[in-house]
C-alpha atoms as a PDB file:
ATOM      1  CA  UNK A   1     -11.708  -7.940   5.966  1.00  0.00           C
ATOM      2  CA  UNK A   2     -11.590  -4.191   6.489  1.00  0.00           C
ATOM      3  CA  UNK A   3     -11.311  -4.580  10.249  1.00  0.00           C
ATOM      4  CA  UNK A   4      -8.352  -6.937   9.826  1.00  0.00           C
ATOM      5  CA  UNK A   5      -6.652  -4.327   7.641  1.00  0.00           C
ATOM      6  CA  UNK A   6      -7.367  -1.663  10.252  1.00  0.00           C
ATOM      7  CA  UNK A   7      -5.635  -3.837  12.857  1.00  0.00           C
ATOM      8  CA  UNK A   8      -2.650  -4.412  10.583  1.00  0.00           C
ATOM      9  CA  UNK A   9      -2.431  -0.687   9.933  1.00  0.00           C
ATOM     10  CA  UNK A  10      -2.546   0.112  13.651  1.00  0.00           C
ATOM     11  CA  UNK A  11       0.171  -2.412  14.460  1.00  0.00           C
ATOM     12  CA  UNK A  12       2.345  -1.091  11.621  1.00  0.00           C
ATOM     13  CA  UNK A  13       1.977   2.408  13.064  1.00  0.00           C
ATOM     14  CA  UNK A  14       3.047   1.184  16.493  1.00  0.00           C
ATOM     15  CA  UNK A  15       6.016  -0.651  14.972  1.00  0.00           C
ATOM     16  CA  UNK A  16       6.995   2.528  13.127  1.00  0.00           C
ATOM     17  CA  UNK A  17       6.833   4.504  16.363  1.00  0.00           C
ATOM     18  CA  UNK A  18       9.037   1.918  18.063  1.00  0.00           C
ATOM     19  CA  UNK A  19      11.620   2.024  15.283  1.00  0.00           C
ATOM     20  CA  UNK A  20      11.578   5.834  15.302  1.00  0.00           C
ATOM     21  CA  UNK A  21      12.089   5.993  19.067  1.00  0.00           C
ATOM     22  CA  UNK A  22      15.059   3.616  18.780  1.00  0.00           C
ATOM     23  CA  UNK A  23      16.625   5.506  15.864  1.00  0.00           C
ATOM     24  CA  UNK A  24      16.081   8.899  17.464  1.00  0.00           C
ATOM     25  CA  UNK A  25      18.193   7.898  20.460  1.00  0.00           C
ATOM     26  CA  UNK A  26      21.202   7.616  18.124  1.00  0.00           C
ATOM     27  CA  UNK A  27      20.687  11.096  16.710  1.00  0.00           C
ATOM     28  CA  UNK A  28      23.271  13.338  18.350  1.00  0.00           C
ATOM     29  CA  UNK A  29      22.119  16.630  16.836  1.00  0.00           C
ATOM     30  CA  UNK A  30      18.882  18.201  15.705  1.00  0.00           C
ATOM     31  CA  UNK A  31      20.205  18.096  12.137  1.00  0.00           C
ATOM     32  CA  UNK A  32      20.574  14.290  12.278  1.00  0.00           C
ATOM     33  CA  UNK A  33      17.070  13.999  13.693  1.00  0.00           C
ATOM     34  CA  UNK A  34      15.729  16.155  10.860  1.00  0.00           C
ATOM     35  CA  UNK A  35      17.535  14.047   8.229  1.00  0.00           C
ATOM     36  CA  UNK A  36      16.282  10.762   9.686  1.00  0.00           C
ATOM     37  CA  UNK A  37      12.698  12.073   9.613  1.00  0.00           C
ATOM     38  CA  UNK A  38      13.067  13.467   6.103  1.00  0.00           C
ATOM     39  CA  UNK A  39      14.585  10.333   4.565  1.00  0.00           C
ATOM     40  CA  UNK A  40      12.045   8.097   6.262  1.00  0.00           C
ATOM     41  CA  UNK A  41       9.155  10.239   5.017  1.00  0.00           C
ATOM     42  CA  UNK A  42      10.561  10.242   1.488  1.00  0.00           C
ATOM     43  CA  UNK A  43      10.970   6.444   1.495  1.00  0.00           C
ATOM     44  CA  UNK A  44       7.405   6.028   2.774  1.00  0.00           C
ATOM     45  CA  UNK A  45       6.050   8.322   0.045  1.00  0.00           C
ATOM     46  CA  UNK A  46       7.840   6.340  -2.678  1.00  0.00           C
ATOM     47  CA  UNK A  47       6.648   3.028  -1.211  1.00  0.00           C
ATOM     48  CA  UNK A  48       3.066   4.325  -1.064  1.00  0.00           C
ATOM     49  CA  UNK A  49       3.163   5.581  -4.648  1.00  0.00           C
ATOM     50  CA  UNK A  50       4.484   2.264  -5.945  1.00  0.00           C
ATOM     51  CA  UNK A  51       2.291  -0.177  -4.044  1.00  0.00           C
ATOM     52  CA  UNK A  52      -1.050   1.382  -3.064  1.00  0.00           C
ATOM     53  CA  UNK A  53      -3.792   1.262  -5.722  1.00  0.00           C
ATOM     54  CA  UNK A  54      -6.042   4.241  -6.401  1.00  0.00           C
ATOM     55  CA  UNK A  55      -9.503   3.131  -5.313  1.00  0.00           C
ATOM     56  CA  UNK A  56     -11.067   6.559  -4.848  1.00  0.00           C
ATOM     57  CA  UNK A  57     -13.520   6.196  -7.736  1.00  0.00           C
ATOM     58  CA  UNK A  58     -14.314   2.532  -7.066  1.00  0.00           C
ATOM     59  CA  UNK A  59     -17.435   1.437  -5.233  1.00  0.00           C
ATOM     60  CA  UNK A  60     -16.777  -0.190  -1.842  1.00  0.00           C
ATOM     61  CA  UNK A  61     -19.051  -3.096  -2.806  1.00  0.00           C
ATOM     62  CA  UNK A  62     -16.803  -3.918  -5.778  1.00  0.00           C
ATOM     63  CA  UNK A  63     -13.692  -3.942  -3.589  1.00  0.00           C
ATOM     64  CA  UNK A  64     -15.384  -6.325  -1.150  1.00  0.00           C
ATOM     65  CA  UNK A  65     -16.598  -8.515  -4.008  1.00  0.00           C
ATOM     66  CA  UNK A  66     -13.067  -8.779  -5.407  1.00  0.00           C
ATOM     67  CA  UNK A  67     -11.593  -9.612  -1.992  1.00  0.00           C
ATOM     68  CA  UNK A  68     -14.199 -12.319  -1.391  1.00  0.00           C
ATOM     69  CA  UNK A  69     -13.239 -13.952  -4.677  1.00  0.00           C
ATOM     70  CA  UNK A  70      -9.532 -13.709  -3.832  1.00  0.00           C
ATOM     71  CA  UNK A  71     -10.126 -15.297  -0.429  1.00  0.00           C
ATOM     72  CA  UNK A  72     -12.182 -18.085  -2.015  1.00  0.00           C
ATOM     73  CA  UNK A  73      -9.310 -18.897  -4.372  1.00  0.00           C
ATOM     74  CA  UNK A  74     -11.105 -17.721  -7.506  1.00  0.00           C
ATOM     75  CA  UNK A  75      -9.105 -14.526  -8.048  1.00  0.00           C
ATOM     76  CA  UNK A  76      -8.876 -14.916 -11.813  1.00  0.00           C
ATOM     77  CA  UNK A  77     -12.625 -15.461 -12.229  1.00  0.00           C
ATOM     78  CA  UNK A  78     -13.472 -11.939 -11.021  1.00  0.00           C
ATOM     79  CA  UNK A  79     -14.528  -9.711 -13.899  1.00  0.00           C
ATOM     80  CA  UNK A  80     -15.687  -6.514 -12.237  1.00  0.00           C
ATOM     81  CA  UNK A  81     -14.648  -2.879 -12.209  1.00  0.00           C
ATOM     82  CA  UNK A  82     -11.817  -3.451  -9.716  1.00  0.00           C
ATOM     83  CA  UNK A  83      -9.611  -5.063 -12.382  1.00  0.00           C
ATOM     84  CA  UNK A  84      -9.646  -1.911 -14.483  1.00  0.00           C
ATOM     85  CA  UNK A  85      -6.033  -0.632 -14.775  1.00  0.00           C
ATOM     86  CA  UNK A  86      -7.136   2.786 -13.479  1.00  0.00           C
ATOM     87  CA  UNK A  87      -7.561   1.143 -10.066  1.00  0.00           C
ATOM     88  CA  UNK A  88      -4.180  -0.635 -10.035  1.00  0.00           C
ATOM     89  CA  UNK A  89      -1.023   0.424  -8.269  1.00  0.00           C
ATOM     90  CA  UNK A  90       1.953   1.633 -10.287  1.00  0.00           C
ATOM     91  CA  UNK A  91       3.752  -1.703  -9.864  1.00  0.00           C
ATOM     92  CA  UNK A  92       0.667  -3.663 -10.931  1.00  0.00           C
ATOM     93  CA  UNK A  93       0.354  -1.560 -14.093  1.00  0.00           C
ATOM     94  CA  UNK A  94       4.064  -2.067 -14.890  1.00  0.00           C
ATOM     95  CA  UNK A  95       3.726  -5.805 -14.332  1.00  0.00           C
ATOM     96  CA  UNK A  96       0.809  -5.948 -16.780  1.00  0.00           C
ATOM     97  CA  UNK A  97       2.813  -3.967 -19.375  1.00  0.00           C
ATOM     98  CA  UNK A  98       5.765  -6.365 -19.034  1.00  0.00           C
ATOM     99  CA  UNK A  99       3.465  -9.340 -19.615  1.00  0.00           C
ATOM    100  CA  UNK A 100       2.099  -7.678 -22.735  1.00  0.00           C
ATOM    101  CA  UNK A 101      -1.423  -7.189 -21.443  1.00  0.00           C
ATOM    102  CA  UNK A 102      -3.083  -4.270 -23.168  1.00  0.00           C
ATOM    103  CA  UNK A 103      -4.642  -1.709 -20.827  1.00  0.00           C
END
């Protein structure tokens, strides 16, 4: 699973480089180029904050165990450390709060 995600990440980087090279051709001045880079970086930072979970303190075995259960279709049967709200993304935590699930 990790190697598939590495491939997806690499292709997303190449797509980003393609989009940047197309957009940069429309930039007439250095100021426009700077603004395009700045706004894109800001949007990427917000997207990352909202959607990427914090897994720094989670064991890699637990992440793999959770993914295996998700791929097998038994996502809701997993009861390990990876479902702790500390390891959720901001949007996942907000979704739980809206459903009334106590963290």
